[in-house]
Amino acid sequence: IWRAASGVIERPPVAVMCFFMFFAGHCQPFFNTAIVVTAVRNFSDYGGTAVGIMKGYVGLSGAILVQMYHIFCEGDPTSYILLLAVVPSFLILVTMPFVRTYDTVVAGDKKHLNGLSAISLIIVIYLMVVILVENVFGMSKSMQICSFTLLLLLLASPLLVAVRAQREEKEKDKFLSLDFPVTERTTLLESPRLNTCPDFNVVMKNDMNVIEAICTTNFWLLFLAMICGMGSGLATINNIRQMGESLGYSTVQLNSLVSLWSIWNFLGRFGSGYISDAYLHSHGWPRPVFIAITLGIMAIGHVVMASGLLGSLYIGSLLVGLAYGSQWSLMPTITSELFGIIHMATIFYTISIASPIGSYIFSVKVIGYFYDKVDSEDDHSCYGNHCFRTSFIIMAGMALLGALVSFVLFLRTKKFYATLVAKRMLN
């Protein structure tokens, strides 16, 4: 794509360019799958928090790449395509050897995940401040370089948590080697993993392949909820700039809306994973109830955006962004718990098909249809609250339908999650 855009090669046919985009777009999910599945395996008791952090950085990556564009490729989008081709691929090759399952005692997982969570929140707050300052006041080139350098240091800081965890593990092993015989030490270290791990006692009995999962009611309830949630959320971000233009928002305001979406997306992904883990362990709340809650929040966000009131896009995009991000954290974790971890990746991405299906339905058949009915015949543009009101009211109704479906899933899985919590309490 870069060689074609820069003129190094002749412009390829549209079909060939679509194939290049198809190929490039499908590379990212491969590494994403490895990360999510490995996180669930390594942090089985706190899978929601681990997946929330992993998926949260995926949501935040858009805002980080925008900062890279301003530093290295300002005014040169062709070079930006090359940057997108080289930098992510290089980082994947460097970090790939570290993505594997580690056989460690889970006792310290919560503390280390809390450290990673705190660092993640610091990064997102810092990035939000940078985005607002940049869009509202502007930043010189030197200020952009300094802010981006600090951002890179913050992004590298989770390594400190990993190093500290490794050091504590070695100190614990050294202590056990001095105070316990080898046979006792083996029992202390290995039996929790082999005999009381929730993956072994609960999930392994329910491991399903994708065909078996598709034949269950729970699969289709989760799939329908994701069509309503992921589909309407993705349709919102795809049309938020056009909606802002119809309501008379300035370019600065529109840029802020689009940039802040990555922040809300991150907070939704991270927050839902962390909170669902906390309530699962402390109160035994089944995780699907949080899908119902977040889709209810999404419905409120759609209604706010449909109102067209002053500042409605800011409040509405905040609510929808948080709720949309939540689905990408909750759905993989629920998938691993309900259908097992052996075929989690296949089932997870089968359910993820709900996102493009829902996006097509809401973007083309709902928003596109009603926008075309009210736009101007001269320039095919529309100005005013009426342009998107009906579409967002419909999407609010669909989000409520998704919340209702999720509540049914919650009722169906209450006993399963009660068993899951009991097993983890034994650990």
Protein backbone atom coordinates (compact mmCIF):
# COMPACT_ATOMS: atom_id res chain seq x y z
CA ILE A 1 0.00 0.00 0.00
CA TRP A 2 2.83 2.41 0.86
CA ARG A 3 4.69 1.73 -2.39
CA ALA A 4 1.52 2.36 -4.38
CA ALA A 5 0.67 5.55 -2.48
CA SER A 6 4.22 6.91 -2.82
CA GLY A 7 4.32 6.22 -6.56
CA VAL A 8 7.11 3.62 -6.42
CA ILE A 9 4.86 1.18 -8.26
CA GLU A 10 1.94 1.79 -10.57
CA ARG A 11 -1.44 2.26 -8.97
CA PRO A 12 -2.92 -1.23 -8.54
CA PRO A 13 -6.53 -2.07 -9.39
CA VAL A 14 -9.12 -1.52 -6.69
CA ALA A 15 -9.52 -5.26 -6.16
CA VAL A 16 -5.78 -5.69 -5.56
CA MET A 17 -5.70 -2.77 -3.12
CA CYS A 18 -8.66 -4.26 -1.26
CA PHE A 19 -6.73 -7.53 -0.99
CA PHE A 20 -3.72 -5.68 0.47
CA MET A 21 -5.98 -4.00 3.04
CA PHE A 22 -7.67 -7.34 3.80
CA PHE A 23 -4.29 -9.01 4.34
CA ALA A 24 -2.92 -6.18 6.50
CA GLY A 25 -6.07 -5.94 8.57
CA HIS A 26 -6.10 -9.65 9.37
CA CYS A 27 -2.50 -9.75 10.62
CA GLN A 28 -3.26 -7.83 13.81
CA PRO A 29 -5.88 -10.29 15.15
CA PHE A 30 -3.35 -13.14 15.07
CA PHE A 31 -1.09 -11.47 17.63
CA ASN A 32 -4.13 -10.13 19.48
CA THR A 33 -5.42 -13.69 19.85
CA ALA A 34 -2.10 -14.93 21.24
CA ILE A 35 -2.02 -12.09 23.78
CA VAL A 36 -5.60 -12.53 25.02
CA VAL A 37 -5.51 -16.33 25.30
CA THR A 38 -2.10 -16.27 27.02
CA ALA A 39 -3.32 -13.61 29.46
CA VAL A 40 -6.33 -15.74 30.41
CA ARG A 41 -4.11 -18.80 30.92
CA ASN A 42 -1.51 -16.95 33.01
CA PHE A 43 -4.03 -15.06 35.16
CA SER A 44 -6.88 -17.56 35.41
CA ASP A 45 -8.26 -16.08 38.65
CA TYR A 46 -8.18 -12.50 37.33
CA GLY A 47 -8.79 -13.01 33.63
CA GLY A 48 -11.06 -9.98 33.41
CA THR A 49 -8.38 -7.61 34.69
CA ALA A 50 -5.66 -9.12 32.50
CA VAL A 51 -7.79 -9.06 29.35
CA GLY A 52 -8.98 -5.55 30.22
CA ILE A 53 -5.41 -4.28 30.33
CA MET A 54 -4.44 -6.06 27.10
CA LYS A 55 -7.52 -4.99 25.15
CA GLY A 56 -7.36 -1.54 26.72
CA TYR A 57 -4.01 -0.83 25.13
CA VAL A 58 -5.45 -1.92 21.79
CA GLY A 59 -8.11 0.75 22.21
CA LEU A 60 -5.51 3.29 23.30
CA SER A 61 -3.16 2.53 20.42
CA GLY A 62 -5.08 4.79 18.05
CA ALA A 63 -4.36 7.86 20.17
CA ILE A 64 -0.70 6.84 20.52
CA LEU A 65 -0.32 6.43 16.76
CA VAL A 66 -1.84 9.88 16.24
CA GLN A 67 0.90 11.30 18.45
CA MET A 68 3.49 9.48 16.33
CA TYR A 69 1.96 11.00 13.21
CA HIS A 70 2.33 14.52 14.59
CA ILE A 71 5.98 13.88 15.48
CA PHE A 72 7.26 12.01 12.44
CA CYS A 73 4.79 12.39 9.57
CA GLU A 74 3.01 15.74 9.96
CA GLY A 75 1.63 16.70 6.55
CA ASP A 76 2.95 13.51 4.93
CA PRO A 77 0.31 10.76 5.19
CA THR A 78 2.24 8.55 2.76
CA SER A 79 5.13 8.24 5.22
CA TYR A 80 2.62 7.46 7.93
CA ILE A 81 1.56 4.34 6.01
CA LEU A 82 5.20 3.20 6.04
CA LEU A 83 5.42 3.90 9.77
CA LEU A 84 2.32 1.77 10.37
CA ALA A 85 3.91 -1.05 8.38
CA VAL A 86 7.31 -0.99 10.12
CA VAL A 87 6.85 -0.02 13.79
CA PRO A 88 4.11 -2.50 14.85
CA SER A 89 5.81 -5.34 12.96
CA PHE A 90 9.14 -4.58 14.64
CA LEU A 91 7.58 -4.47 18.11
CA ILE A 92 5.78 -7.77 17.51
CA LEU A 93 9.00 -9.50 16.47
CA VAL A 94 10.83 -8.14 19.53
CA THR A 95 8.17 -9.09 22.09
CA MET A 96 7.00 -12.35 20.51
CA PRO A 97 9.38 -14.65 22.50
CA PHE A 98 7.90 -13.39 25.79
CA VAL A 99 4.30 -14.31 24.93
CA ARG A 100 3.93 -17.76 26.47
CA THR A 101 2.30 -19.53 29.37
CA TYR A 102 4.25 -19.26 32.63
CA ASP A 103 3.89 -21.93 35.32
CA THR A 104 3.93 -19.79 38.45
CA VAL A 105 2.03 -19.64 41.73
CA VAL A 106 -1.01 -17.35 41.40
CA ALA A 107 -0.86 -15.91 44.92
CA GLY A 108 0.79 -12.65 43.86
CA ASP A 109 -1.18 -12.09 40.66
CA LYS A 110 -3.58 -9.56 42.15
CA LYS A 111 -0.83 -7.33 43.53
CA HIS A 112 1.10 -7.23 40.26
CA LEU A 113 -2.04 -6.68 38.18
CA ASN A 114 -2.91 -3.77 40.47
CA GLY A 115 0.51 -2.29 39.72
CA LEU A 116 -0.05 -2.63 35.98
CA SER A 117 -3.52 -1.13 36.38
CA ALA A 118 -2.17 1.91 38.21
CA ILE A 119 0.44 2.51 35.50
CA SER A 120 -2.22 2.14 32.81
CA LEU A 121 -4.40 4.79 34.45
CA ILE A 122 -1.45 7.17 34.71
CA ILE A 123 -0.75 6.68 30.99
CA VAL A 124 -4.35 7.33 29.95
CA ILE A 125 -4.65 10.45 32.13
CA TYR A 126 -1.39 11.81 30.75
CA LEU A 127 -2.43 11.09 27.16
CA MET A 128 -5.82 12.72 27.69
CA VAL A 129 -4.16 15.90 28.96
CA VAL A 130 -1.78 15.92 25.97
CA ILE A 131 -4.66 15.49 23.51
CA LEU A 132 -6.71 18.30 25.05
CA VAL A 133 -3.76 20.70 25.21
CA GLU A 134 -2.76 19.87 21.64
CA ASN A 135 -6.25 20.34 20.20
CA VAL A 136 -7.26 23.40 22.22
CA PHE A 137 -4.04 25.39 22.60
CA GLY A 138 -1.66 23.79 20.11
CA MET A 139 1.87 22.54 20.77
CA SER A 140 5.20 23.42 19.23
CA LYS A 141 7.35 20.72 17.67
CA SER A 142 9.72 20.67 20.63
CA MET A 143 6.82 20.30 23.07
CA GLN A 144 5.41 17.44 21.00
CA ILE A 145 8.77 15.65 21.06
CA CYS A 146 9.12 16.09 24.83
CA SER A 147 5.58 14.90 25.52
CA PHE A 148 6.02 11.88 23.24
CA THR A 149 9.34 10.97 24.89
CA LEU A 150 7.66 11.01 28.29
CA LEU A 151 4.84 8.89 26.86
CA LEU A 152 7.37 6.28 25.67
CA LEU A 153 8.91 6.15 29.16
CA LEU A 154 5.47 5.62 30.68
CA LEU A 155 4.71 2.86 28.16
CA ALA A 156 7.96 1.11 29.14
CA SER A 157 7.30 1.41 32.90
CA PRO A 158 5.24 -1.85 33.17
CA LEU A 159 8.57 -3.64 32.72
CA LEU A 160 9.39 -2.54 36.28
CA VAL A 161 6.37 -4.48 37.56
CA ALA A 162 7.48 -7.58 35.66
CA VAL A 163 11.06 -7.32 36.95
CA ARG A 164 9.84 -6.86 40.51
CA ALA A 165 7.52 -9.88 40.19
CA GLN A 166 10.38 -12.05 38.91
CA ARG A 167 12.63 -10.93 41.75
CA GLU A 168 9.98 -11.71 44.37
CA GLU A 169 9.42 -15.13 42.79
CA LYS A 170 13.13 -15.94 43.01
CA GLU A 171 13.31 -14.77 46.62
CA LYS A 172 10.30 -16.93 47.49
CA ASP A 173 11.88 -19.97 45.83
CA LYS A 174 15.10 -19.33 47.74
CA PHE A 175 13.19 -19.08 51.02
CA LEU A 176 11.30 -22.32 50.36
CA SER A 177 14.48 -24.16 49.41
CA LEU A 178 15.96 -23.30 52.83
CA ASP A 179 12.89 -23.98 54.98
CA PHE A 180 11.20 -26.95 53.30
CA PRO A 181 12.37 -30.28 51.88
CA VAL A 182 12.13 -30.76 48.15
CA THR A 183 9.04 -33.00 48.39
CA GLU A 184 7.15 -30.50 50.56
CA ARG A 185 8.25 -27.62 48.35
CA THR A 186 6.97 -29.43 45.27
CA THR A 187 3.60 -29.91 46.95
CA LEU A 188 3.39 -26.27 47.98
CA LEU A 189 4.26 -24.92 44.56
CA GLU A 190 2.63 -27.37 42.21
CA SER A 191 -0.53 -28.72 43.79
CA PRO A 192 -2.47 -25.41 43.63
CA ARG A 193 -1.84 -25.33 39.89
CA LEU A 194 -2.62 -28.96 39.22
CA ASN A 195 -5.41 -29.72 41.66
CA THR A 196 -7.29 -26.54 42.62
CA CYS A 197 -6.90 -24.36 39.55
CA PRO A 198 -10.38 -23.26 38.37
CA ASP A 199 -9.34 -24.08 34.80
CA PHE A 200 -8.80 -27.71 35.86
CA ASN A 201 -11.86 -28.27 38.04
CA VAL A 202 -14.51 -26.15 36.33
CA VAL A 203 -13.61 -25.15 32.81
CA MET A 204 -12.02 -28.39 31.68
CA LYS A 205 -15.34 -30.18 32.20
CA ASN A 206 -17.04 -27.72 29.86
CA ASP A 207 -14.40 -27.32 27.16
CA MET A 208 -16.16 -27.07 23.83
CA ASN A 209 -15.04 -26.71 20.26
CA VAL A 210 -16.63 -24.05 18.09
CA ILE A 211 -19.32 -26.39 16.70
CA GLU A 212 -20.37 -27.48 20.18
CA ALA A 213 -20.43 -23.87 21.36
CA ILE A 214 -22.56 -22.74 18.41
CA CYS A 215 -25.13 -25.38 19.35
CA THR A 216 -25.69 -23.79 22.78
CA THR A 217 -28.21 -21.09 23.70
CA ASN A 218 -25.56 -19.18 25.66
CA PHE A 219 -23.49 -18.69 22.51
CA TRP A 220 -26.34 -17.07 20.60
CA LEU A 221 -27.37 -14.91 23.54
CA LEU A 222 -23.82 -13.58 23.76
CA PHE A 223 -23.63 -13.20 19.97
CA LEU A 224 -26.87 -11.20 19.80
CA ALA A 225 -25.78 -8.97 22.68
CA MET A 226 -22.52 -8.23 20.85
CA ILE A 227 -24.38 -7.32 17.64
CA CYS A 228 -26.37 -4.76 19.62
CA GLY A 229 -23.40 -3.46 21.62
CA MET A 230 -20.37 -3.68 19.35
CA GLY A 231 -22.37 -2.92 16.22
CA SER A 232 -24.03 0.27 17.46
CA GLY A 233 -20.82 1.43 19.16
CA LEU A 234 -18.75 0.98 16.01
CA ALA A 235 -21.45 2.69 13.93
CA THR A 236 -21.25 5.65 16.31
CA ILE A 237 -17.52 6.20 15.91
CA ASN A 238 -17.80 5.72 12.14
CA ASN A 239 -20.32 8.57 11.93
CA ILE A 240 -19.35 10.84 14.82
CA ARG A 241 -17.46 13.33 12.65
CA GLN A 242 -20.33 13.64 10.17
CA MET A 243 -22.76 14.02 13.06
CA GLY A 244 -20.61 16.78 14.55
CA GLU A 245 -20.54 18.60 11.23
CA SER A 246 -24.33 18.44 11.00
CA LEU A 247 -24.58 20.05 14.45
CA GLY A 248 -22.08 22.80 13.60
CA TYR A 249 -19.07 21.63 15.62
CA SER A 250 -15.73 23.21 14.74
CA THR A 251 -12.75 21.29 13.38
CA VAL A 252 -10.98 21.55 16.76
CA GLN A 253 -14.02 20.14 18.55
CA LEU A 254 -14.33 17.29 16.06
CA ASN A 255 -10.64 16.41 16.40
CA SER A 256 -11.02 16.37 20.18
CA LEU A 257 -14.07 14.10 19.95
CA VAL A 258 -12.31 11.58 17.73
CA SER A 259 -9.11 11.61 19.79
CA LEU A 260 -10.90 11.28 23.13
CA TRP A 261 -12.82 8.27 21.84
CA SER A 262 -9.63 6.21 22.24
CA ILE A 263 -9.44 7.32 25.88
CA TRP A 264 -13.05 6.35 26.64
CA ASN A 265 -12.51 3.08 24.75
CA PHE A 266 -9.50 2.26 26.93
CA LEU A 267 -11.28 3.13 30.17
CA GLY A 268 -14.23 0.96 29.19
CA ARG A 269 -12.05 -2.03 28.34
CA PHE A 270 -9.86 -1.73 31.41
CA GLY A 271 -12.57 -0.68 33.86
CA SER A 272 -15.08 -3.39 32.98
CA GLY A 273 -12.45 -6.11 33.30
CA TYR A 274 -11.19 -4.85 36.64
CA ILE A 275 -14.62 -4.14 38.14
CA SER A 276 -16.15 -7.42 36.96
CA ASP A 277 -13.26 -9.32 38.55
CA ALA A 278 -13.66 -7.41 41.81
CA TYR A 279 -17.40 -8.05 42.06
CA LEU A 280 -17.04 -11.67 40.96
CA HIS A 281 -14.60 -12.36 43.80
CA SER A 282 -16.22 -10.20 46.50
CA HIS A 283 -19.96 -10.57 45.76
CA GLY A 284 -20.15 -13.49 43.32
CA TRP A 285 -21.73 -11.37 40.56
CA PRO A 286 -21.82 -13.28 37.25
CA ARG A 287 -19.87 -11.44 34.59
CA PRO A 288 -22.76 -11.24 32.04
CA VAL A 289 -24.59 -8.82 34.34
CA PHE A 290 -21.93 -6.23 33.49
CA ILE A 291 -22.73 -6.57 29.79
CA ALA A 292 -26.35 -5.75 30.67
CA ILE A 293 -25.26 -2.74 32.74
CA THR A 294 -22.89 -1.36 30.11
CA LEU A 295 -25.41 -1.80 27.29
CA GLY A 296 -27.91 0.11 29.41
CA ILE A 297 -25.31 2.89 29.69
CA MET A 298 -24.82 2.72 25.92
CA ALA A 299 -28.57 3.17 25.39
CA ILE A 300 -28.46 6.32 27.53
CA GLY A 301 -25.51 7.57 25.48
CA HIS A 302 -27.40 7.05 22.22
CA VAL A 303 -30.40 8.96 23.61
CA VAL A 304 -28.14 11.83 24.67
CA MET A 305 -26.61 12.00 21.19
CA ALA A 306 -30.07 11.87 19.60
CA SER A 307 -31.15 14.89 21.65
CA GLY A 308 -28.77 17.21 19.80
CA LEU A 309 -28.43 19.45 22.87
CA LEU A 310 -25.38 21.60 23.50
CA GLY A 311 -22.46 19.35 24.37
CA SER A 312 -24.50 16.20 23.74
CA LEU A 313 -21.82 14.69 21.51
CA TYR A 314 -19.20 15.01 24.26
CA ILE A 315 -21.39 13.35 26.91
CA GLY A 316 -22.89 10.82 24.51
CA SER A 317 -19.54 9.77 23.04
CA LEU A 318 -18.16 9.37 26.58
CA LEU A 319 -20.98 7.00 27.57
CA VAL A 320 -21.00 5.08 24.28
CA GLY A 321 -17.18 4.86 24.21
CA LEU A 322 -17.03 3.44 27.73
CA ALA A 323 -19.78 0.92 27.01
CA TYR A 324 -18.37 -0.08 23.62
CA GLY A 325 -14.91 -0.69 25.07
CA SER A 326 -16.42 -2.77 27.86
CA GLN A 327 -17.76 -5.34 25.40
CA TRP A 328 -14.25 -6.09 24.10
CA SER A 329 -13.06 -6.90 27.62
CA LEU A 330 -16.10 -8.76 28.95
CA MET A 331 -16.85 -10.92 25.92
CA PRO A 332 -13.45 -12.75 25.69
CA THR A 333 -13.42 -13.43 29.42
CA ILE A 334 -16.99 -14.75 29.44
CA THR A 335 -16.15 -16.89 26.41
CA SER A 336 -13.25 -18.55 28.25
CA GLU A 337 -15.39 -19.17 31.33
CA LEU A 338 -18.50 -20.55 29.60
CA PHE A 339 -16.93 -22.53 26.76
CA GLY A 340 -13.47 -23.37 28.09
CA ILE A 341 -10.01 -22.17 27.22
CA ILE A 342 -8.78 -24.88 24.81
CA HIS A 343 -10.79 -23.54 21.85
CA MET A 344 -11.26 -20.05 23.27
CA ALA A 345 -9.53 -18.27 20.38
CA THR A 346 -11.77 -19.82 17.72
CA ILE A 347 -14.98 -19.24 19.67
CA PHE A 348 -13.91 -15.72 20.68
CA TYR A 349 -13.35 -14.62 17.10
CA THR A 350 -16.49 -16.38 15.91
CA ILE A 351 -18.47 -14.23 18.33
CA SER A 352 -16.43 -11.20 17.21
CA ILE A 353 -18.05 -11.51 13.78
CA ALA A 354 -20.97 -9.78 15.50
CA SER A 355 -19.00 -6.51 15.37
CA PRO A 356 -18.82 -6.08 11.55
CA ILE A 357 -22.33 -7.53 11.13
CA GLY A 358 -23.77 -5.06 13.61
CA SER A 359 -21.72 -2.20 12.20
CA TYR A 360 -23.02 -2.89 8.69
CA ILE A 361 -26.63 -3.07 9.86
CA PHE A 362 -26.50 0.14 11.90
CA SER A 363 -24.18 2.16 9.63
CA VAL A 364 -25.73 1.27 6.27
CA LYS A 365 -29.26 0.09 6.90
CA VAL A 366 -30.09 2.49 9.74
CA ILE A 367 -27.88 5.61 9.78
CA GLY A 368 -27.26 5.66 6.02
CA TYR A 369 -30.91 5.03 5.19
CA PHE A 370 -32.36 7.77 7.40
CA TYR A 371 -29.60 10.26 6.53
CA ASP A 372 -30.28 9.86 2.81
CA LYS A 373 -33.98 10.50 3.42
CA VAL A 374 -33.37 13.93 4.96
CA ASP A 375 -30.19 15.18 3.22
CA SER A 376 -30.11 18.01 0.71
CA GLU A 377 -30.60 17.01 -2.91
CA ASP A 378 -27.99 19.55 -4.04
CA ASP A 379 -24.88 18.55 -2.09
CA HIS A 380 -26.16 15.42 -0.27
CA SER A 381 -25.44 17.00 3.12
CA CYS A 382 -27.67 17.54 6.13
CA TYR A 383 -27.54 20.11 8.93
CA GLY A 384 -29.49 19.98 12.14
CA ASN A 385 -30.58 17.63 14.89
CA HIS A 386 -33.03 15.76 12.65
CA CYS A 387 -30.22 14.23 10.54
CA PHE A 388 -29.32 11.51 13.04
CA ARG A 389 -32.10 11.65 15.65
CA THR A 390 -34.13 8.69 14.40
CA SER A 391 -31.05 6.54 13.83
CA PHE A 392 -29.72 7.00 17.36
CA ILE A 393 -33.13 6.40 18.91
CA ILE A 394 -33.27 3.09 17.03
CA MET A 395 -29.74 2.21 18.20
CA ALA A 396 -30.74 3.09 21.77
CA GLY A 397 -33.59 0.61 21.48
CA MET A 398 -31.25 -2.05 20.13
CA ALA A 399 -28.80 -1.43 22.98
CA LEU A 400 -31.67 -1.98 25.42
CA LEU A 401 -32.51 -5.20 23.59
CA GLY A 402 -28.88 -6.27 24.03
CA ALA A 403 -29.10 -5.44 27.74
CA LEU A 404 -32.22 -7.60 28.04
CA VAL A 405 -30.54 -10.50 26.21
CA SER A 406 -27.50 -10.17 28.48
CA PHE A 407 -29.74 -10.27 31.53
CA VAL A 408 -31.21 -13.54 30.28
CA LEU A 409 -27.64 -14.86 29.91
CA PHE A 410 -26.96 -13.69 33.47
CA LEU A 411 -29.94 -15.68 34.78
CA ARG A 412 -28.85 -18.78 32.85
CA THR A 413 -25.28 -18.68 34.20
CA LYS A 414 -25.88 -17.80 37.86
CA LYS A 415 -25.33 -21.35 39.10
CA PHE A 416 -22.24 -21.80 36.93
CA TYR A 417 -20.61 -18.64 38.31
CA ALA A 418 -21.54 -19.63 41.87
CA THR A 419 -19.60 -22.86 41.30
CA LEU A 420 -16.72 -20.94 39.74
CA VAL A 421 -16.48 -18.56 42.70
CA ALA A 422 -16.63 -21.47 45.16
CA LYS A 423 -13.71 -23.18 43.42
CA ARG A 424 -11.66 -19.98 43.49
CA MET A 425 -12.43 -19.47 47.18
CA LEU A 426 -10.95 -22.92 47.84
CA ASN A 427 -7.71 -21.76 46.21
